[in-house]
Amino acid sequence: MAHDIVFFLAPDDKTAAATRLRGPGAAFRSVTCRFIEPDSAIAEWDMYFEEPSSDLPPLERLLDWAWPDWVTPPLNDGVEVFALPQRLTRALANAGSAELEELAGRWSTRLRSADGDDMTDDDLPAVLREVAQLAVSAVKTGGGLYSWSF
């Protein structure tokens, strides 16, 4: 489980990859959260928009889903930089508040069932709404939405 996660905007993969060692920092518009797995969150969100349902899909179905691409290859230091799929970025940008609330509820339920008392203290609906706002900017500017974690 990643300790620190930052969803951020960058103009391209090369710029996002350059954040690997120090994180995105103040130079990038971002949303931070703690103690989630960003790759599984990204896959869960993508699955929700491709196959909408408030019900949790079976874990096997989620594990078989297309997971996000690394912008930098993983090393033994635990730092990962992922690019959110463009279709997910567009879906988040176009999502209404009801969709985001339903997705946040489903995502929270999965995390609670997997992590129990170790679940993040972050306000997951607020995190998701803020990531969706970043997605709106990414779509408008033609840039990308990324995740940096350690």
C-alpha atoms as a PDB file:
ATOM      1  CA  MET A   1       0.000   0.000   0.000  1.00  0.00           C
ATOM      2  CA  ALA A   2       1.359   3.403  -0.949  1.00  0.00           C
ATOM      3  CA  HIS A   3       1.884   5.848   1.900  1.00  0.00           C
ATOM      4  CA  ASP A   4       1.691   9.048  -0.142  1.00  0.00           C
ATOM      5  CA  ILE A   5      -0.253   9.425  -3.377  1.00  0.00           C
ATOM      6  CA  VAL A   6      -0.424  12.506  -5.564  1.00  0.00           C
ATOM      7  CA  PHE A   7      -2.742  12.739  -8.565  1.00  0.00           C
ATOM      8  CA  PHE A   8      -1.412  15.537 -10.753  1.00  0.00           C
ATOM      9  CA  LEU A   9      -1.598  17.257 -14.118  1.00  0.00           C
ATOM     10  CA  ALA A  10       1.333  17.285 -16.506  1.00  0.00           C
ATOM     11  CA  PRO A  11       1.563  18.239 -20.165  1.00  0.00           C
ATOM     12  CA  ASP A  12       3.038  14.866 -21.205  1.00  0.00           C
ATOM     13  CA  ASP A  13       4.577  11.575 -20.063  1.00  0.00           C
ATOM     14  CA  LYS A  14       8.127  12.921 -20.175  1.00  0.00           C
ATOM     15  CA  THR A  15       7.267  15.756 -17.793  1.00  0.00           C
ATOM     16  CA  ALA A  16       5.381  13.356 -15.510  1.00  0.00           C
ATOM     17  CA  ALA A  17       8.329  10.940 -15.505  1.00  0.00           C
ATOM     18  CA  ALA A  18      10.635  13.743 -14.361  1.00  0.00           C
ATOM     19  CA  THR A  19       8.674  13.882 -11.066  1.00  0.00           C
ATOM     20  CA  ARG A  20       9.796  10.385 -10.114  1.00  0.00           C
ATOM     21  CA  LEU A  21      12.552  11.274  -7.657  1.00  0.00           C
ATOM     22  CA  ARG A  22      11.005  14.195  -5.772  1.00  0.00           C
ATOM     23  CA  GLY A  23       7.287  13.959  -6.522  1.00  0.00           C
ATOM     24  CA  PRO A  24       5.221  16.528  -8.391  1.00  0.00           C
ATOM     25  CA  GLY A  25       5.671  19.320  -5.840  1.00  0.00           C
ATOM     26  CA  ALA A  26       4.048  22.735  -5.994  1.00  0.00           C
ATOM     27  CA  ALA A  27       4.805  23.192  -9.700  1.00  0.00           C
ATOM     28  CA  PHE A  28       1.925  20.861 -10.632  1.00  0.00           C
ATOM     29  CA  ARG A  29      -1.768  21.134  -9.836  1.00  0.00           C
ATOM     30  CA  SER A  30      -2.466  18.109  -7.681  1.00  0.00           C
ATOM     31  CA  VAL A  31      -4.610  16.195  -5.190  1.00  0.00           C
ATOM     32  CA  THR A  32      -2.981  14.235  -2.383  1.00  0.00           C
ATOM     33  CA  CYS A  33      -4.177  11.290  -0.349  1.00  0.00           C
ATOM     34  CA  ARG A  34      -2.645   8.528   1.729  1.00  0.00           C
ATOM     35  CA  PHE A  35      -2.738   4.779   2.188  1.00  0.00           C
ATOM     36  CA  ILE A  36      -4.439   3.571  -0.971  1.00  0.00           C
ATOM     37  CA  GLU A  37      -3.162   1.597  -3.947  1.00  0.00           C
ATOM     38  CA  PRO A  38      -3.309   4.079  -6.822  1.00  0.00           C
ATOM     39  CA  ASP A  39      -3.119   1.444  -9.565  1.00  0.00           C
ATOM     40  CA  SER A  40      -6.067  -0.509  -8.185  1.00  0.00           C
ATOM     41  CA  ALA A  41      -8.017   2.742  -7.614  1.00  0.00           C
ATOM     42  CA  ILE A  42      -7.411   3.756 -11.230  1.00  0.00           C
ATOM     43  CA  ALA A  43      -8.503   0.321 -12.467  1.00  0.00           C
ATOM     44  CA  GLU A  44     -11.606   0.411 -10.230  1.00  0.00           C
ATOM     45  CA  TRP A  45     -12.589   3.869 -11.499  1.00  0.00           C
ATOM     46  CA  ASP A  46     -12.019   2.869 -15.124  1.00  0.00           C
ATOM     47  CA  MET A  47     -14.091  -0.283 -14.695  1.00  0.00           C
ATOM     48  CA  TYR A  48     -16.926   1.716 -13.138  1.00  0.00           C
ATOM     49  CA  PHE A  49     -17.226   4.019 -16.143  1.00  0.00           C
ATOM     50  CA  GLU A  50     -16.907   1.192 -18.658  1.00  0.00           C
ATOM     51  CA  GLU A  51     -19.327  -1.106 -16.805  1.00  0.00           C
ATOM     52  CA  PRO A  52     -21.422   1.175 -14.535  1.00  0.00           C
ATOM     53  CA  SER A  53     -22.869  -0.407 -11.419  1.00  0.00           C
ATOM     54  CA  SER A  54     -23.110   0.537  -7.775  1.00  0.00           C
ATOM     55  CA  ASP A  55     -22.418  -3.103  -6.904  1.00  0.00           C
ATOM     56  CA  LEU A  56     -18.872  -4.283  -6.368  1.00  0.00           C
ATOM     57  CA  PRO A  57     -17.676  -6.406  -9.263  1.00  0.00           C
ATOM     58  CA  PRO A  58     -16.044  -9.686  -8.288  1.00  0.00           C
ATOM     59  CA  LEU A  59     -12.403  -9.234  -7.285  1.00  0.00           C
ATOM     60  CA  GLU A  60     -11.323 -11.578 -10.082  1.00  0.00           C
ATOM     61  CA  ARG A  61     -12.986  -9.264 -12.622  1.00  0.00           C
ATOM     62  CA  LEU A  62     -11.146  -6.246 -11.221  1.00  0.00           C
ATOM     63  CA  LEU A  63      -7.822  -8.098 -11.238  1.00  0.00           C
ATOM     64  CA  ASP A  64      -8.375  -9.000 -14.912  1.00  0.00           C
ATOM     65  CA  TRP A  65      -9.099  -5.356 -15.806  1.00  0.00           C
ATOM     66  CA  ALA A  66      -6.598  -3.281 -17.808  1.00  0.00           C
ATOM     67  CA  TRP A  67      -4.394  -1.618 -15.179  1.00  0.00           C
ATOM     68  CA  PRO A  68      -2.743   1.774 -15.731  1.00  0.00           C
ATOM     69  CA  ASP A  69       0.546   2.102 -17.581  1.00  0.00           C
ATOM     70  CA  TRP A  70       3.713   3.067 -15.775  1.00  0.00           C
ATOM     71  CA  VAL A  71       5.286   6.285 -16.946  1.00  0.00           C
ATOM     72  CA  THR A  72       8.532   5.213 -15.290  1.00  0.00           C
ATOM     73  CA  PRO A  73       9.469   1.596 -14.718  1.00  0.00           C
ATOM     74  CA  PRO A  74       9.157   0.475 -11.102  1.00  0.00           C
ATOM     75  CA  LEU A  75      12.340   0.195  -9.078  1.00  0.00           C
ATOM     76  CA  ASN A  76      12.975  -1.195  -5.602  1.00  0.00           C
ATOM     77  CA  ASP A  77      12.430   2.191  -3.926  1.00  0.00           C
ATOM     78  CA  GLY A  78       8.622   1.875  -4.098  1.00  0.00           C
ATOM     79  CA  VAL A  79       8.064   5.024  -6.167  1.00  0.00           C
ATOM     80  CA  GLU A  80       5.558   4.626  -9.013  1.00  0.00           C
ATOM     81  CA  VAL A  81       4.301   7.061 -11.627  1.00  0.00           C
ATOM     82  CA  PHE A  82       1.204   6.006 -13.558  1.00  0.00           C
ATOM     83  CA  ALA A  83      -0.679   7.623 -16.423  1.00  0.00           C
ATOM     84  CA  LEU A  84      -4.430   7.481 -16.068  1.00  0.00           C
ATOM     85  CA  PRO A  85      -6.001   6.143 -19.268  1.00  0.00           C
ATOM     86  CA  GLN A  86      -7.334   8.888 -21.531  1.00  0.00           C
ATOM     87  CA  ARG A  87     -10.800   7.310 -21.572  1.00  0.00           C
ATOM     88  CA  LEU A  88     -10.864   7.439 -17.752  1.00  0.00           C
ATOM     89  CA  THR A  89      -9.683  11.052 -17.761  1.00  0.00           C
ATOM     90  CA  ARG A  90     -12.512  11.946 -20.162  1.00  0.00           C
ATOM     91  CA  ALA A  91     -15.046   9.935 -18.132  1.00  0.00           C
ATOM     92  CA  LEU A  92     -14.018  11.655 -14.887  1.00  0.00           C
ATOM     93  CA  ALA A  93     -14.156  15.054 -16.585  1.00  0.00           C
ATOM     94  CA  ASN A  94     -17.686  14.382 -17.836  1.00  0.00           C
ATOM     95  CA  ALA A  95     -19.030  12.673 -14.707  1.00  0.00           C
ATOM     96  CA  GLY A  96     -21.870  14.228 -12.793  1.00  0.00           C
ATOM     97  CA  SER A  97     -21.929  14.512  -9.032  1.00  0.00           C
ATOM     98  CA  ALA A  98     -24.278  11.517  -8.683  1.00  0.00           C
ATOM     99  CA  GLU A  99     -21.909   9.297 -10.676  1.00  0.00           C
ATOM    100  CA  LEU A 100     -18.927  10.416  -8.625  1.00  0.00           C
ATOM    101  CA  GLU A 101     -20.797   9.776  -5.358  1.00  0.00           C
ATOM    102  CA  GLU A 102     -21.852   6.305  -6.511  1.00  0.00           C
ATOM    103  CA  LEU A 103     -18.298   5.481  -7.589  1.00  0.00           C
ATOM    104  CA  ALA A 104     -16.874   6.830  -4.320  1.00  0.00           C
ATOM    105  CA  GLY A 105     -19.294   4.649  -2.368  1.00  0.00           C
ATOM    106  CA  ARG A 106     -18.332   1.559  -4.318  1.00  0.00           C
ATOM    107  CA  TRP A 107     -14.626   2.333  -4.037  1.00  0.00           C
ATOM    108  CA  SER A 108     -14.922   2.974  -0.274  1.00  0.00           C
ATOM    109  CA  THR A 109     -16.775  -0.305   0.198  1.00  0.00           C
ATOM    110  CA  ARG A 110     -14.018  -2.227  -1.592  1.00  0.00           C
ATOM    111  CA  LEU A 111     -11.274  -0.523   0.424  1.00  0.00           C
ATOM    112  CA  ARG A 112     -13.123  -1.114   3.697  1.00  0.00           C
ATOM    113  CA  SER A 113     -13.567  -4.820   2.894  1.00  0.00           C
ATOM    114  CA  ALA A 114      -9.898  -5.187   1.920  1.00  0.00           C
ATOM    115  CA  ASP A 115      -8.191  -2.910   4.450  1.00  0.00           C
ATOM    116  CA  GLY A 116     -10.569  -2.803   7.427  1.00  0.00           C
ATOM    117  CA  ASP A 117      -9.118  -0.675  10.212  1.00  0.00           C
ATOM    118  CA  ASP A 118      -6.079   0.137   8.062  1.00  0.00           C
ATOM    119  CA  MET A 119      -8.249   1.999   5.571  1.00  0.00           C
ATOM    120  CA  THR A 120      -7.217   5.529   4.715  1.00  0.00           C
ATOM    121  CA  ASP A 121      -8.580   8.390   6.799  1.00  0.00           C
ATOM    122  CA  ASP A 122      -8.969  10.531   3.674  1.00  0.00           C
ATOM    123  CA  ASP A 123     -12.407  11.704   2.576  1.00  0.00           C
ATOM    124  CA  LEU A 124     -12.588   9.466  -0.493  1.00  0.00           C
ATOM    125  CA  PRO A 125     -15.570  11.201  -2.120  1.00  0.00           C
ATOM    126  CA  ALA A 126     -13.695  14.518  -1.818  1.00  0.00           C
ATOM    127  CA  VAL A 127     -10.525  12.971  -3.280  1.00  0.00           C
ATOM    128  CA  LEU A 128     -12.496  11.604  -6.218  1.00  0.00           C
ATOM    129  CA  ARG A 129     -14.263  14.942  -6.826  1.00  0.00           C
ATOM    130  CA  GLU A 130     -10.915  16.764  -6.794  1.00  0.00           C
ATOM    131  CA  VAL A 131      -9.361  14.236  -9.189  1.00  0.00           C
ATOM    132  CA  ALA A 132     -12.381  14.743 -11.470  1.00  0.00           C
ATOM    133  CA  GLN A 133     -11.677  18.500 -11.411  1.00  0.00           C
ATOM    134  CA  LEU A 134      -8.095  17.775 -12.468  1.00  0.00           C
ATOM    135  CA  ALA A 135      -9.502  15.632 -15.268  1.00  0.00           C
ATOM    136  CA  VAL A 136     -11.563  18.577 -16.508  1.00  0.00           C
ATOM    137  CA  SER A 137      -8.356  20.626 -16.750  1.00  0.00           C
ATOM    138  CA  ALA A 138      -6.497  17.788 -18.473  1.00  0.00           C
ATOM    139  CA  VAL A 139      -9.209  17.490 -21.123  1.00  0.00           C
ATOM    140  CA  LYS A 140      -9.308  21.264 -21.680  1.00  0.00           C
ATOM    141  CA  THR A 141      -5.527  21.624 -21.998  1.00  0.00           C
ATOM    142  CA  GLY A 142      -4.795  18.376 -23.826  1.00  0.00           C
ATOM    143  CA  GLY A 143      -2.411  17.325 -21.050  1.00  0.00           C
ATOM    144  CA  GLY A 144      -2.469  14.173 -18.995  1.00  0.00           C
ATOM    145  CA  LEU A 145      -3.569  13.062 -15.562  1.00  0.00           C
ATOM    146  CA  TYR A 146      -0.988  11.101 -13.574  1.00  0.00           C
ATOM    147  CA  SER A 147      -0.447   9.425 -10.228  1.00  0.00           C
ATOM    148  CA  TRP A 148       2.802   9.544  -8.255  1.00  0.00           C
ATOM    149  CA  SER A 149       3.104   7.355  -5.177  1.00  0.00           C
ATOM    150  CA  PHE A 150       5.559   6.205  -2.584  1.00  0.00           C
END
